[in-house]
């Protein structure tokens, strides 16, 4: 039973990584079909993050004896590890659902990067009523889930690095959006929180 539980969470991590990134690639395809605009260059823009996480999750699933080389921290949680893994699995599922919902909220305004050529409207509906960057919230939740499912030093370093990169990217995006939408976006900033929804 213990083996089954361990194997289950390893499988959750492996499939979760594929689904999370797959949702973005699928959105690229859907947007291309609807608008004939490709927002992602698969030839030039190699997603190294996905390749690294896919490799780690595959090693964890098929060659788990090598996980010790990642700096295993599972001992920190002791007998609560199964509970921590369960929370991680829930976070992973929530991050995928939030990512898909946030992308759908953007509709035709969805794009990758600070692309000035393609003009879009300012979206304030859906998830964007509660947070200015729901996709980045989904990403923060996703990386948190990775550590809860596979608590190692390597994952912890990747999580901290990605936290910093996500917040930095969000701030750069804010500057771009202020330039793009002016006072309309400044007003939106006063109404809706940067990442986490306001508690009423």
C-alpha atoms as a PDB file:
ATOM      1  CA  UNK A   1       0.000   0.000   0.000  1.00  0.00           C
ATOM      2  CA  UNK A   2       2.863   2.351   0.825  1.00  0.00           C
ATOM      3  CA  UNK A   3       4.447   1.583  -2.557  1.00  0.00           C
ATOM      4  CA  UNK A   4       1.141   2.278  -4.333  1.00  0.00           C
ATOM      5  CA  UNK A   5       0.798   5.636  -2.572  1.00  0.00           C
ATOM      6  CA  UNK A   6       4.355   6.610  -3.446  1.00  0.00           C
ATOM      7  CA  UNK A   7       3.906   5.481  -7.055  1.00  0.00           C
ATOM      8  CA  UNK A   8       0.604   7.374  -7.284  1.00  0.00           C
ATOM      9  CA  UNK A   9       2.165  10.719  -6.316  1.00  0.00           C
ATOM     10  CA  UNK A  10       5.085  10.154  -8.673  1.00  0.00           C
ATOM     11  CA  UNK A  11       2.594   9.578 -11.487  1.00  0.00           C
ATOM     12  CA  UNK A  12       0.626  12.695 -10.466  1.00  0.00           C
ATOM     13  CA  UNK A  13       3.806  14.789 -10.712  1.00  0.00           C
ATOM     14  CA  UNK A  14       4.756  13.338 -14.103  1.00  0.00           C
ATOM     15  CA  UNK A  15       1.294  13.797 -15.653  1.00  0.00           C
ATOM     16  CA  UNK A  16       0.811  17.180 -13.937  1.00  0.00           C
ATOM     17  CA  UNK A  17       3.964  18.658 -15.482  1.00  0.00           C
ATOM     18  CA  UNK A  18       2.831  17.515 -18.944  1.00  0.00           C
ATOM     19  CA  UNK A  19      -0.721  18.838 -18.460  1.00  0.00           C
ATOM     20  CA  UNK A  20       0.359  22.231 -17.093  1.00  0.00           C
ATOM     21  CA  UNK A  21       2.690  22.983 -19.990  1.00  0.00           C
ATOM     22  CA  UNK A  22       0.406  21.206 -22.443  1.00  0.00           C
ATOM     23  CA  UNK A  23      -2.404  23.636 -21.549  1.00  0.00           C
ATOM     24  CA  UNK A  24      -0.234  26.549 -22.702  1.00  0.00           C
ATOM     25  CA  UNK A  25       0.827  24.833 -25.928  1.00  0.00           C
ATOM     26  CA  UNK A  26      -2.816  23.969 -26.623  1.00  0.00           C
ATOM     27  CA  UNK A  27      -3.767  27.625 -26.089  1.00  0.00           C
ATOM     28  CA  UNK A  28      -1.089  28.602 -28.644  1.00  0.00           C
ATOM     29  CA  UNK A  29      -2.703  26.233 -31.150  1.00  0.00           C
ATOM     30  CA  UNK A  30      -6.262  27.440 -30.404  1.00  0.00           C
ATOM     31  CA  UNK A  31      -5.197  31.088 -30.746  1.00  0.00           C
ATOM     32  CA  UNK A  32      -3.426  30.322 -34.027  1.00  0.00           C
ATOM     33  CA  UNK A  33      -6.523  28.596 -35.429  1.00  0.00           C
ATOM     34  CA  UNK A  34      -8.786  31.520 -34.411  1.00  0.00           C
ATOM     35  CA  UNK A  35      -6.529  34.455 -35.307  1.00  0.00           C
ATOM     36  CA  UNK A  36      -3.843  32.983 -37.592  1.00  0.00           C
ATOM     37  CA  UNK A  37      -1.256  34.541 -35.226  1.00  0.00           C
ATOM     38  CA  UNK A  38       1.442  32.320 -33.729  1.00  0.00           C
ATOM     39  CA  UNK A  39       2.474  33.633 -30.298  1.00  0.00           C
ATOM     40  CA  UNK A  40       5.159  31.020 -29.755  1.00  0.00           C
ATOM     41  CA  UNK A  41       8.172  30.075 -31.865  1.00  0.00           C
ATOM     42  CA  UNK A  42       8.812  26.387 -31.314  1.00  0.00           C
ATOM     43  CA  UNK A  43      11.983  26.489 -33.407  1.00  0.00           C
ATOM     44  CA  UNK A  44      13.798  29.364 -31.710  1.00  0.00           C
ATOM     45  CA  UNK A  45      12.222  29.549 -28.231  1.00  0.00           C
ATOM     46  CA  UNK A  46      13.147  26.271 -26.560  1.00  0.00           C
ATOM     47  CA  UNK A  47      11.264  25.888 -23.336  1.00  0.00           C
ATOM     48  CA  UNK A  48      14.169  24.718 -21.208  1.00  0.00           C
ATOM     49  CA  UNK A  49      12.057  24.884 -18.060  1.00  0.00           C
ATOM     50  CA  UNK A  50       9.662  22.256 -19.374  1.00  0.00           C
ATOM     51  CA  UNK A  51      12.480  19.981 -20.535  1.00  0.00           C
ATOM     52  CA  UNK A  52      14.147  20.169 -17.088  1.00  0.00           C
ATOM     53  CA  UNK A  53      10.919  19.544 -15.164  1.00  0.00           C
ATOM     54  CA  UNK A  54       9.864  16.767 -17.532  1.00  0.00           C
ATOM     55  CA  UNK A  55      13.254  15.071 -17.042  1.00  0.00           C
ATOM     56  CA  UNK A  56      13.060  15.418 -13.246  1.00  0.00           C
ATOM     57  CA  UNK A  57       9.495  14.070 -13.081  1.00  0.00           C
ATOM     58  CA  UNK A  58      10.425  11.164 -15.398  1.00  0.00           C
ATOM     59  CA  UNK A  59      13.462  10.291 -13.267  1.00  0.00           C
ATOM     60  CA  UNK A  60      11.271  10.465 -10.163  1.00  0.00           C
ATOM     61  CA  UNK A  61       8.728   8.101 -11.748  1.00  0.00           C
ATOM     62  CA  UNK A  62      10.953   5.578 -13.534  1.00  0.00           C
ATOM     63  CA  UNK A  63      14.320   5.842 -11.744  1.00  0.00           C
ATOM     64  CA  UNK A  64      13.361   6.948  -8.225  1.00  0.00           C
ATOM     65  CA  UNK A  65      16.588   5.596  -6.723  1.00  0.00           C
ATOM     66  CA  UNK A  66      18.390   8.549  -8.322  1.00  0.00           C
ATOM     67  CA  UNK A  67      16.181  11.159  -6.583  1.00  0.00           C
ATOM     68  CA  UNK A  68      18.684  11.163  -3.686  1.00  0.00           C
ATOM     69  CA  UNK A  69      21.087  12.955  -6.017  1.00  0.00           C
ATOM     70  CA  UNK A  70      18.608  15.874  -6.092  1.00  0.00           C
ATOM     71  CA  UNK A  71      19.151  16.410  -2.347  1.00  0.00           C
ATOM     72  CA  UNK A  72      16.220  14.515  -0.846  1.00  0.00           C
ATOM     73  CA  UNK A  73      14.334  16.554   1.808  1.00  0.00           C
ATOM     74  CA  UNK A  74      11.437  14.137   2.381  1.00  0.00           C
ATOM     75  CA  UNK A  75      12.766  13.343   5.863  1.00  0.00           C
ATOM     76  CA  UNK A  76      11.795  16.900   6.926  1.00  0.00           C
ATOM     77  CA  UNK A  77       8.105  15.983   6.730  1.00  0.00           C
ATOM     78  CA  UNK A  78       8.514  12.565   8.384  1.00  0.00           C
ATOM     79  CA  UNK A  79       5.206  10.737   8.882  1.00  0.00           C
ATOM     80  CA  UNK A  80       3.308  13.725   7.417  1.00  0.00           C
ATOM     81  CA  UNK A  81       4.840  13.209   3.955  1.00  0.00           C
ATOM     82  CA  UNK A  82       1.693  11.547   2.555  1.00  0.00           C
ATOM     83  CA  UNK A  83      -0.386  14.526   3.746  1.00  0.00           C
ATOM     84  CA  UNK A  84       2.125  16.952   2.208  1.00  0.00           C
ATOM     85  CA  UNK A  85       2.051  14.990  -1.069  1.00  0.00           C
ATOM     86  CA  UNK A  86      -1.768  15.056  -1.023  1.00  0.00           C
ATOM     87  CA  UNK A  87      -1.780  18.846  -0.626  1.00  0.00           C
ATOM     88  CA  UNK A  88       0.757  19.038  -3.453  1.00  0.00           C
ATOM     89  CA  UNK A  89      -1.517  16.955  -5.708  1.00  0.00           C
ATOM     90  CA  UNK A  90      -4.468  19.254  -4.932  1.00  0.00           C
ATOM     91  CA  UNK A  91      -2.341  22.355  -5.594  1.00  0.00           C
ATOM     92  CA  UNK A  92      -1.207  20.863  -8.899  1.00  0.00           C
ATOM     93  CA  UNK A  93      -4.776  20.183  -9.998  1.00  0.00           C
ATOM     94  CA  UNK A  94      -5.863  23.673  -8.874  1.00  0.00           C
ATOM     95  CA  UNK A  95      -2.964  25.294 -10.784  1.00  0.00           C
ATOM     96  CA  UNK A  96      -3.937  23.542 -14.030  1.00  0.00           C
ATOM     97  CA  UNK A  97      -7.614  24.506 -13.648  1.00  0.00           C
ATOM     98  CA  UNK A  98      -6.694  28.112 -12.789  1.00  0.00           C
ATOM     99  CA  UNK A  99      -4.300  28.327 -15.751  1.00  0.00           C
ATOM    100  CA  UNK A 100      -6.956  27.120 -18.199  1.00  0.00           C
ATOM    101  CA  UNK A 101      -9.629  29.427 -16.745  1.00  0.00           C
ATOM    102  CA  UNK A 102      -7.283  32.437 -16.784  1.00  0.00           C
ATOM    103  CA  UNK A 103      -6.275  31.765 -20.390  1.00  0.00           C
ATOM    104  CA  UNK A 104      -9.919  31.416 -21.395  1.00  0.00           C
ATOM    105  CA  UNK A 105     -10.705  34.711 -19.633  1.00  0.00           C
ATOM    106  CA  UNK A 106      -8.265  36.462 -21.987  1.00  0.00           C
ATOM    107  CA  UNK A 107      -9.945  35.142 -25.144  1.00  0.00           C
ATOM    108  CA  UNK A 108      -8.353  36.665 -28.256  1.00  0.00           C
ATOM    109  CA  UNK A 109      -6.230  38.962 -26.075  1.00  0.00           C
ATOM    110  CA  UNK A 110      -4.107  36.009 -24.955  1.00  0.00           C
ATOM    111  CA  UNK A 111      -0.479  36.173 -26.067  1.00  0.00           C
ATOM    112  CA  UNK A 112       3.002  35.299 -24.845  1.00  0.00           C
ATOM    113  CA  UNK A 113       5.493  38.070 -24.153  1.00  0.00           C
ATOM    114  CA  UNK A 114       5.349  41.839 -24.454  1.00  0.00           C
ATOM    115  CA  UNK A 115       4.397  41.950 -28.080  1.00  0.00           C
ATOM    116  CA  UNK A 116       3.551  45.475 -29.287  1.00  0.00           C
ATOM    117  CA  UNK A 117       2.629  44.527 -32.847  1.00  0.00           C
ATOM    118  CA  UNK A 118      -0.580  42.717 -31.894  1.00  0.00           C
ATOM    119  CA  UNK A 119      -3.043  45.143 -30.314  1.00  0.00           C
ATOM    120  CA  UNK A 120      -5.418  43.694 -27.721  1.00  0.00           C
ATOM    121  CA  UNK A 121      -8.100  44.981 -25.377  1.00  0.00           C
ATOM    122  CA  UNK A 122      -7.668  45.271 -21.608  1.00  0.00           C
ATOM    123  CA  UNK A 123      -9.405  42.300 -19.979  1.00  0.00           C
ATOM    124  CA  UNK A 124     -11.055  42.873 -16.588  1.00  0.00           C
ATOM    125  CA  UNK A 125     -13.464  39.942 -16.565  1.00  0.00           C
ATOM    126  CA  UNK A 126     -13.239  36.316 -15.450  1.00  0.00           C
ATOM    127  CA  UNK A 127     -10.238  35.721 -13.185  1.00  0.00           C
ATOM    128  CA  UNK A 128      -9.036  39.241 -13.991  1.00  0.00           C
ATOM    129  CA  UNK A 129     -11.747  40.645 -11.710  1.00  0.00           C
ATOM    130  CA  UNK A 130      -9.819  39.234  -8.735  1.00  0.00           C
ATOM    131  CA  UNK A 131      -6.141  39.391  -9.693  1.00  0.00           C
ATOM    132  CA  UNK A 132      -4.199  41.276 -12.341  1.00  0.00           C
ATOM    133  CA  UNK A 133      -2.029  38.231 -13.070  1.00  0.00           C
ATOM    134  CA  UNK A 134      -4.016  34.999 -12.620  1.00  0.00           C
ATOM    135  CA  UNK A 135      -1.739  33.064 -14.972  1.00  0.00           C
ATOM    136  CA  UNK A 136       1.254  33.942 -12.800  1.00  0.00           C
ATOM    137  CA  UNK A 137      -0.720  32.949  -9.693  1.00  0.00           C
ATOM    138  CA  UNK A 138      -1.337  29.581 -11.383  1.00  0.00           C
ATOM    139  CA  UNK A 139       2.391  29.284 -12.063  1.00  0.00           C
ATOM    140  CA  UNK A 140       3.292  30.105  -8.429  1.00  0.00           C
ATOM    141  CA  UNK A 141       0.805  27.470  -7.277  1.00  0.00           C
ATOM    142  CA  UNK A 142       2.223  24.976  -9.787  1.00  0.00           C
ATOM    143  CA  UNK A 143       5.814  25.411  -8.610  1.00  0.00           C
ATOM    144  CA  UNK A 144       4.712  25.184  -4.977  1.00  0.00           C
ATOM    145  CA  UNK A 145       2.999  21.884  -5.785  1.00  0.00           C
ATOM    146  CA  UNK A 146       6.213  20.539  -7.325  1.00  0.00           C
ATOM    147  CA  UNK A 147       8.081  20.970  -4.063  1.00  0.00           C
ATOM    148  CA  UNK A 148       5.253  19.421  -2.029  1.00  0.00           C
ATOM    149  CA  UNK A 149       5.208  16.397  -4.351  1.00  0.00           C
ATOM    150  CA  UNK A 150       8.989  16.094  -4.640  1.00  0.00           C
ATOM    151  CA  UNK A 151      10.715  17.887  -1.755  1.00  0.00           C
ATOM    152  CA  UNK A 152      14.357  18.056  -2.796  1.00  0.00           C
ATOM    153  CA  UNK A 153      17.025  20.755  -2.692  1.00  0.00           C
ATOM    154  CA  UNK A 154      17.069  20.923  -6.507  1.00  0.00           C
ATOM    155  CA  UNK A 155      13.300  21.486  -6.714  1.00  0.00           C
ATOM    156  CA  UNK A 156      13.474  24.051  -3.909  1.00  0.00           C
ATOM    157  CA  UNK A 157      16.133  26.015  -5.822  1.00  0.00           C
ATOM    158  CA  UNK A 158      14.049  25.817  -9.025  1.00  0.00           C
ATOM    159  CA  UNK A 159      10.935  26.951  -7.136  1.00  0.00           C
ATOM    160  CA  UNK A 160      12.665  29.965  -5.540  1.00  0.00           C
ATOM    161  CA  UNK A 161      14.250  30.896  -8.883  1.00  0.00           C
ATOM    162  CA  UNK A 162      10.904  30.670 -10.667  1.00  0.00           C
ATOM    163  CA  UNK A 163       9.139  32.687  -7.949  1.00  0.00           C
ATOM    164  CA  UNK A 164      11.652  35.500  -8.509  1.00  0.00           C
ATOM    165  CA  UNK A 165      11.384  35.242 -12.309  1.00  0.00           C
ATOM    166  CA  UNK A 166       7.558  35.231 -12.274  1.00  0.00           C
ATOM    167  CA  UNK A 167       7.273  38.293 -10.025  1.00  0.00           C
ATOM    168  CA  UNK A 168       9.932  40.149 -12.036  1.00  0.00           C
ATOM    169  CA  UNK A 169       8.145  39.302 -15.309  1.00  0.00           C
ATOM    170  CA  UNK A 170       4.805  40.423 -13.883  1.00  0.00           C
ATOM    171  CA  UNK A 171       6.286  43.807 -12.904  1.00  0.00           C
ATOM    172  CA  UNK A 172       7.777  44.290 -16.383  1.00  0.00           C
ATOM    173  CA  UNK A 173       4.408  43.377 -17.866  1.00  0.00           C
ATOM    174  CA  UNK A 174       2.765  46.035 -15.672  1.00  0.00           C
ATOM    175  CA  UNK A 175       5.077  48.701 -17.111  1.00  0.00           C
ATOM    176  CA  UNK A 176       4.185  47.542 -20.627  1.00  0.00           C
ATOM    177  CA  UNK A 177       0.441  47.590 -19.849  1.00  0.00           C
ATOM    178  CA  UNK A 178       0.630  51.093 -18.360  1.00  0.00           C
ATOM    179  CA  UNK A 179       2.327  52.239 -21.558  1.00  0.00           C
ATOM    180  CA  UNK A 180      -0.274  50.380 -23.635  1.00  0.00           C
ATOM    181  CA  UNK A 181      -3.490  51.358 -21.793  1.00  0.00           C
ATOM    182  CA  UNK A 182      -2.473  54.408 -19.725  1.00  0.00           C
ATOM    183  CA  UNK A 183      -4.971  55.687 -17.130  1.00  0.00           C
ATOM    184  CA  UNK A 184      -7.353  52.815 -17.816  1.00  0.00           C
ATOM    185  CA  UNK A 185      -4.763  50.363 -16.515  1.00  0.00           C
ATOM    186  CA  UNK A 186      -3.760  52.626 -13.610  1.00  0.00           C
ATOM    187  CA  UNK A 187      -7.400  52.668 -12.487  1.00  0.00           C
ATOM    188  CA  UNK A 188      -7.521  48.880 -12.855  1.00  0.00           C
ATOM    189  CA  UNK A 189      -4.420  48.629 -10.633  1.00  0.00           C
ATOM    190  CA  UNK A 190      -6.250  50.506  -7.874  1.00  0.00           C
ATOM    191  CA  UNK A 191      -9.281  48.219  -8.123  1.00  0.00           C
ATOM    192  CA  UNK A 192      -7.582  44.801  -8.359  1.00  0.00           C
ATOM    193  CA  UNK A 193      -4.585  43.391  -6.465  1.00  0.00           C
ATOM    194  CA  UNK A 194      -1.272  42.535  -8.133  1.00  0.00           C
ATOM    195  CA  UNK A 195      -1.422  38.773  -7.453  1.00  0.00           C
ATOM    196  CA  UNK A 196      -3.724  37.684  -4.649  1.00  0.00           C
ATOM    197  CA  UNK A 197      -7.402  38.729  -4.507  1.00  0.00           C
ATOM    198  CA  UNK A 198      -8.524  41.353  -2.025  1.00  0.00           C
ATOM    199  CA  UNK A 199     -10.189  39.985   1.102  1.00  0.00           C
ATOM    200  CA  UNK A 200     -13.537  41.726   1.483  1.00  0.00           C
END
